[in-house]
Amino acid sequence: MSKNEKPKLILDKFTHKQINEWVLEKLESNPTLYGGDIGNPFVMQSYTLEIQGIDLPLEFFSSLSSVSRKRNLILKDREDLDFRELYAIDREKEDNQVTKPFPEFLE
């Protein structure tokens, strides 16, 4: 793939609507776990285990969340690198504060 070529992602057997419903069910089933400060890695781990049948350590998902957050922050500051179309951000809107992962995931 060339540097300027846009990759196409193919969703698994879930549609966007089904993913929204699945995440909502997870949040409602255990808001303390999935809606807390480190809920992102927990919900991603549950998804890959339940839907994909892949069991990966929680620390893996914590790292992925951090990488994704950093990417979005960099793209917000560097318009010249931001080629998002579907999930373009409103640069005039004030964003929420990003929280840091718990120290045990940084070791």
N, C-alpha and C. Protein backbone atom coordinates (compact mmCIF):
# COMPACT_ATOMS: atom_id res chain seq x y z
N MET A 1 0.85 -1.17 0.00
CA MET A 1 0.00 0.00 0.00
C MET A 1 0.90 1.24 0.00
N SER A 2 0.57 2.17 -0.86
CA SER A 2 1.37 3.40 -0.94
C SER A 2 1.04 4.31 0.24
N LYS A 3 1.88 5.29 0.44
CA LYS A 3 1.74 6.20 1.58
C LYS A 3 0.40 6.95 1.56
N ASN A 4 -0.07 7.31 0.39
CA ASN A 4 -1.29 8.11 0.28
C ASN A 4 -2.54 7.28 -0.03
N GLU A 5 -2.39 5.96 -0.15
CA GLU A 5 -3.52 5.11 -0.44
C GLU A 5 -4.36 4.91 0.83
N LYS A 6 -5.66 5.01 0.70
CA LYS A 6 -6.55 4.83 1.85
C LYS A 6 -6.93 3.37 1.98
N PRO A 7 -6.61 2.75 3.13
CA PRO A 7 -7.01 1.35 3.32
C PRO A 7 -8.50 1.26 3.58
N LYS A 8 -9.08 0.16 3.21
CA LYS A 8 -10.50 -0.11 3.47
C LYS A 8 -10.59 -1.18 4.55
N LEU A 9 -11.39 -0.91 5.57
CA LEU A 9 -11.60 -1.88 6.64
C LEU A 9 -12.93 -2.58 6.42
N ILE A 10 -12.92 -3.87 6.62
CA ILE A 10 -14.14 -4.65 6.51
C ILE A 10 -14.56 -5.04 7.92
N LEU A 11 -15.78 -4.65 8.30
CA LEU A 11 -16.28 -5.01 9.62
C LEU A 11 -16.49 -6.51 9.71
N ASP A 12 -16.37 -7.01 10.93
CA ASP A 12 -16.67 -8.43 11.13
C ASP A 12 -18.19 -8.63 11.01
N LYS A 13 -18.71 -9.69 11.57
CA LYS A 13 -20.13 -10.02 11.40
C LYS A 13 -21.08 -9.04 12.09
N PHE A 14 -20.55 -8.13 12.87
CA PHE A 14 -21.38 -7.13 13.53
C PHE A 14 -21.50 -5.89 12.66
N THR A 15 -22.69 -5.29 12.65
CA THR A 15 -22.86 -3.99 12.01
C THR A 15 -22.62 -2.91 13.05
N HIS A 16 -22.56 -1.68 12.61
CA HIS A 16 -22.37 -0.57 13.56
C HIS A 16 -23.49 -0.54 14.59
N LYS A 17 -24.73 -0.77 14.13
CA LYS A 17 -25.86 -0.76 15.05
C LYS A 17 -25.73 -1.88 16.08
N GLN A 18 -25.32 -3.07 15.63
CA GLN A 18 -25.16 -4.19 16.56
C GLN A 18 -24.05 -3.91 17.57
N ILE A 19 -22.98 -3.27 17.12
CA ILE A 19 -21.88 -2.92 18.03
C ILE A 19 -22.38 -1.94 19.08
N ASN A 20 -23.15 -0.93 18.65
CA ASN A 20 -23.70 0.04 19.61
C ASN A 20 -24.57 -0.67 20.64
N GLU A 21 -25.42 -1.58 20.18
CA GLU A 21 -26.30 -2.31 21.10
C GLU A 21 -25.49 -3.19 22.04
N TRP A 22 -24.46 -3.85 21.53
CA TRP A 22 -23.62 -4.74 22.35
C TRP A 22 -22.90 -3.93 23.43
N VAL A 23 -22.33 -2.78 23.04
CA VAL A 23 -21.62 -1.94 24.01
C VAL A 23 -22.59 -1.43 25.07
N LEU A 24 -23.77 -0.99 24.66
CA LEU A 24 -24.76 -0.52 25.62
C LEU A 24 -25.13 -1.63 26.61
N GLU A 25 -25.33 -2.84 26.10
CA GLU A 25 -25.63 -3.97 26.99
C GLU A 25 -24.51 -4.20 28.00
N LYS A 26 -23.26 -4.10 27.53
CA LYS A 26 -22.11 -4.28 28.44
C LYS A 26 -22.12 -3.19 29.52
N LEU A 27 -22.31 -1.96 29.10
CA LEU A 27 -22.32 -0.85 30.05
C LEU A 27 -23.43 -1.01 31.08
N GLU A 28 -24.61 -1.40 30.63
CA GLU A 28 -25.73 -1.57 31.54
C GLU A 28 -25.54 -2.79 32.45
N SER A 29 -24.85 -3.82 31.96
CA SER A 29 -24.65 -5.03 32.77
C SER A 29 -23.67 -4.80 33.91
N ASN A 30 -22.71 -3.93 33.72
CA ASN A 30 -21.72 -3.67 34.76
C ASN A 30 -21.12 -2.28 34.56
N PRO A 31 -21.87 -1.23 34.93
CA PRO A 31 -21.39 0.13 34.71
C PRO A 31 -20.10 0.46 35.45
N THR A 32 -19.89 -0.17 36.60
CA THR A 32 -18.67 0.10 37.35
C THR A 32 -17.45 -0.39 36.58
N LEU A 33 -17.54 -1.55 35.97
CA LEU A 33 -16.43 -2.12 35.23
C LEU A 33 -16.26 -1.44 33.87
N TYR A 34 -17.32 -1.45 33.06
CA TYR A 34 -17.22 -0.97 31.68
C TYR A 34 -17.34 0.54 31.54
N GLY A 35 -17.93 1.19 32.52
CA GLY A 35 -18.09 2.65 32.45
C GLY A 35 -17.09 3.41 33.27
N GLY A 36 -16.15 2.69 33.90
CA GLY A 36 -15.15 3.33 34.75
C GLY A 36 -13.95 3.85 33.98
N ASP A 37 -12.96 4.27 34.74
CA ASP A 37 -11.76 4.88 34.16
C ASP A 37 -11.01 3.96 33.20
N ILE A 38 -11.03 2.67 33.47
CA ILE A 38 -10.33 1.76 32.56
C ILE A 38 -11.32 0.83 31.86
N GLY A 39 -12.51 1.35 31.61
CA GLY A 39 -13.55 0.57 30.95
C GLY A 39 -13.25 0.24 29.50
N ASN A 40 -12.52 1.11 28.81
CA ASN A 40 -12.20 0.86 27.40
C ASN A 40 -11.48 -0.48 27.21
N PRO A 41 -10.37 -0.72 27.92
CA PRO A 41 -9.70 -2.01 27.72
C PRO A 41 -10.59 -3.20 28.09
N PHE A 42 -11.42 -3.05 29.13
CA PHE A 42 -12.30 -4.15 29.53
C PHE A 42 -13.34 -4.45 28.45
N VAL A 43 -13.95 -3.42 27.88
CA VAL A 43 -14.98 -3.66 26.87
C VAL A 43 -14.34 -4.20 25.58
N MET A 44 -13.15 -3.75 25.23
CA MET A 44 -12.46 -4.28 24.05
C MET A 44 -12.07 -5.74 24.26
N GLN A 45 -11.59 -6.07 25.46
CA GLN A 45 -11.22 -7.45 25.76
C GLN A 45 -12.46 -8.35 25.69
N SER A 46 -13.56 -7.90 26.26
CA SER A 46 -14.80 -8.68 26.21
C SER A 46 -15.26 -8.89 24.78
N TYR A 47 -15.17 -7.86 23.97
CA TYR A 47 -15.58 -7.96 22.57
C TYR A 47 -14.75 -8.99 21.82
N THR A 48 -13.44 -8.90 21.94
CA THR A 48 -12.60 -9.83 21.18
C THR A 48 -12.78 -11.26 21.68
N LEU A 49 -13.04 -11.44 22.96
CA LEU A 49 -13.24 -12.79 23.49
C LEU A 49 -14.61 -13.34 23.07
N GLU A 50 -15.68 -12.55 23.28
CA GLU A 50 -17.04 -13.03 23.01
C GLU A 50 -17.36 -13.10 21.53
N ILE A 51 -16.94 -12.13 20.76
CA ILE A 51 -17.35 -12.04 19.36
C ILE A 51 -16.31 -12.68 18.44
N GLN A 52 -15.04 -12.46 18.72
CA GLN A 52 -13.98 -12.98 17.86
C GLN A 52 -13.40 -14.30 18.35
N GLY A 53 -13.63 -14.62 19.62
CA GLY A 53 -13.06 -15.84 20.18
C GLY A 53 -11.56 -15.75 20.42
N ILE A 54 -11.06 -14.53 20.60
CA ILE A 54 -9.63 -14.30 20.80
C ILE A 54 -9.42 -13.81 22.23
N ASP A 55 -8.55 -14.47 22.98
CA ASP A 55 -8.28 -14.10 24.36
C ASP A 55 -6.90 -13.45 24.44
N LEU A 56 -6.90 -12.15 24.70
CA LEU A 56 -5.65 -11.39 24.83
C LEU A 56 -5.62 -10.73 26.20
N PRO A 57 -4.43 -10.45 26.74
CA PRO A 57 -4.35 -9.85 28.07
C PRO A 57 -4.90 -8.42 28.10
N LEU A 58 -5.43 -8.04 29.24
CA LEU A 58 -6.01 -6.71 29.42
C LEU A 58 -4.99 -5.61 29.11
N GLU A 59 -3.73 -5.84 29.45
CA GLU A 59 -2.69 -4.83 29.22
C GLU A 59 -2.55 -4.50 27.73
N PHE A 60 -2.79 -5.48 26.89
CA PHE A 60 -2.75 -5.27 25.44
C PHE A 60 -3.77 -4.21 25.04
N PHE A 61 -4.98 -4.33 25.56
CA PHE A 61 -6.05 -3.40 25.21
C PHE A 61 -5.83 -2.03 25.84
N SER A 62 -5.23 -2.00 27.01
CA SER A 62 -4.90 -0.72 27.64
C SER A 62 -3.91 0.04 26.76
N SER A 63 -2.92 -0.67 26.23
CA SER A 63 -1.93 -0.05 25.35
C SER A 63 -2.61 0.45 24.07
N LEU A 64 -3.49 -0.36 23.49
CA LEU A 64 -4.19 0.06 22.28
C LEU A 64 -5.03 1.30 22.51
N SER A 65 -5.70 1.37 23.66
CA SER A 65 -6.49 2.57 23.98
C SER A 65 -5.60 3.80 24.05
N SER A 66 -4.44 3.64 24.68
CA SER A 66 -3.50 4.77 24.80
C SER A 66 -2.99 5.21 23.44
N VAL A 67 -2.66 4.25 22.59
CA VAL A 67 -2.17 4.57 21.25
C VAL A 67 -3.25 5.32 20.46
N SER A 68 -4.48 4.84 20.53
CA SER A 68 -5.57 5.48 19.81
C SER A 68 -5.83 6.90 20.32
N ARG A 69 -5.81 7.07 21.64
CA ARG A 69 -6.01 8.39 22.23
C ARG A 69 -4.92 9.36 21.78
N LYS A 70 -3.66 8.89 21.82
CA LYS A 70 -2.54 9.75 21.41
C LYS A 70 -2.65 10.14 19.94
N ARG A 71 -3.04 9.16 19.10
CA ARG A 71 -3.21 9.44 17.68
C ARG A 71 -4.25 10.55 17.48
N ASN A 72 -5.39 10.43 18.17
CA ASN A 72 -6.44 11.43 18.03
C ASN A 72 -6.00 12.80 18.52
N LEU A 73 -5.23 12.84 19.60
CA LEU A 73 -4.73 14.12 20.10
C LEU A 73 -3.75 14.75 19.11
N ILE A 74 -2.88 13.94 18.54
CA ILE A 74 -1.92 14.46 17.56
C ILE A 74 -2.66 14.97 16.32
N LEU A 75 -3.64 14.20 15.86
CA LEU A 75 -4.39 14.62 14.68
C LEU A 75 -5.17 15.90 14.93
N LYS A 76 -5.62 16.09 16.15
CA LYS A 76 -6.33 17.32 16.50
C LYS A 76 -5.39 18.52 16.37
N ASP A 77 -4.15 18.34 16.81
CA ASP A 77 -3.18 19.43 16.77
C ASP A 77 -2.52 19.60 15.40
N ARG A 78 -2.47 18.54 14.62
CA ARG A 78 -1.78 18.57 13.33
C ARG A 78 -2.76 18.35 12.20
N GLU A 79 -3.45 19.40 11.81
CA GLU A 79 -4.44 19.32 10.73
C GLU A 79 -3.85 18.76 9.45
N ASP A 80 -2.57 19.03 9.21
CA ASP A 80 -1.93 18.56 7.98
C ASP A 80 -1.82 17.04 7.91
N LEU A 81 -1.97 16.35 9.04
CA LEU A 81 -1.89 14.90 9.07
C LEU A 81 -3.27 14.24 9.15
N ASP A 82 -4.30 15.04 9.34
CA ASP A 82 -5.65 14.52 9.59
C ASP A 82 -6.43 14.38 8.29
N PHE A 83 -6.63 13.12 7.87
CA PHE A 83 -7.38 12.85 6.65
C PHE A 83 -8.66 12.07 6.94
N ARG A 84 -9.16 12.19 8.17
CA ARG A 84 -10.38 11.50 8.53
C ARG A 84 -11.56 12.14 7.81
N GLU A 85 -12.46 11.30 7.34
CA GLU A 85 -13.68 11.78 6.69
C GLU A 85 -14.90 11.35 7.49
N LEU A 86 -14.99 10.06 7.77
CA LEU A 86 -16.15 9.55 8.51
C LEU A 86 -16.19 10.08 9.93
N TYR A 87 -15.04 10.19 10.57
CA TYR A 87 -14.97 10.59 11.97
C TYR A 87 -14.22 11.90 12.12
N ALA A 88 -14.46 12.82 11.20
CA ALA A 88 -13.79 14.12 11.27
C ALA A 88 -14.24 14.85 12.54
N ILE A 89 -13.33 15.61 13.09
CA ILE A 89 -13.64 16.33 14.33
C ILE A 89 -14.01 17.78 14.02
N ASP A 90 -14.76 18.35 14.92
CA ASP A 90 -15.09 19.77 14.84
C ASP A 90 -13.98 20.51 15.59
N ARG A 91 -13.11 21.15 14.87
CA ARG A 91 -11.93 21.80 15.48
C ARG A 91 -12.29 23.00 16.35
N GLU A 92 -13.49 23.50 16.20
CA GLU A 92 -13.93 24.65 17.00
C GLU A 92 -14.48 24.22 18.36
N LYS A 93 -14.85 22.97 18.48
CA LYS A 93 -15.47 22.46 19.71
C LYS A 93 -14.41 22.12 20.74
N GLU A 94 -14.69 22.45 21.98
CA GLU A 94 -13.78 22.13 23.08
C GLU A 94 -13.94 20.66 23.46
N ASP A 95 -12.83 19.93 23.55
CA ASP A 95 -12.88 18.50 23.89
C ASP A 95 -12.77 18.28 25.39
N ASN A 96 -13.21 17.10 25.82
CA ASN A 96 -13.08 16.72 27.22
C ASN A 96 -11.62 16.39 27.55
N GLN A 97 -11.30 16.47 28.81
CA GLN A 97 -9.96 16.11 29.28
C GLN A 97 -9.73 14.61 29.12
N VAL A 98 -8.58 14.23 28.61
CA VAL A 98 -8.25 12.82 28.45
C VAL A 98 -7.64 12.32 29.75
N THR A 99 -8.12 11.18 30.22
CA THR A 99 -7.58 10.63 31.46
C THR A 99 -6.42 9.70 31.16
N LYS A 100 -5.54 9.56 32.11
CA LYS A 100 -4.38 8.68 31.98
C LYS A 100 -4.73 7.29 32.51
N PRO A 101 -4.15 6.23 31.91
CA PRO A 101 -4.41 4.89 32.43
C PRO A 101 -3.82 4.72 33.83
N PHE A 102 -4.35 3.77 34.57
CA PHE A 102 -3.82 3.50 35.89
C PHE A 102 -2.37 3.05 35.82
N PRO A 103 -1.55 3.36 36.83
CA PRO A 103 -0.12 3.04 36.81
C PRO A 103 0.19 1.57 36.59
N GLU A 104 -0.67 0.64 37.04
CA GLU A 104 -0.35 -0.77 36.90
C GLU A 104 -0.30 -1.20 35.44
N PHE A 105 -0.93 -0.43 34.54
CA PHE A 105 -0.87 -0.77 33.12
C PHE A 105 0.35 -0.15 32.45
N LEU A 106 1.08 0.68 33.16
CA LEU A 106 2.25 1.33 32.58
C LEU A 106 3.54 0.59 32.89
N GLU A 107 3.48 -0.41 33.75
CA GLU A 107 4.67 -1.14 34.15
C GLU A 107 5.12 -2.11 33.09
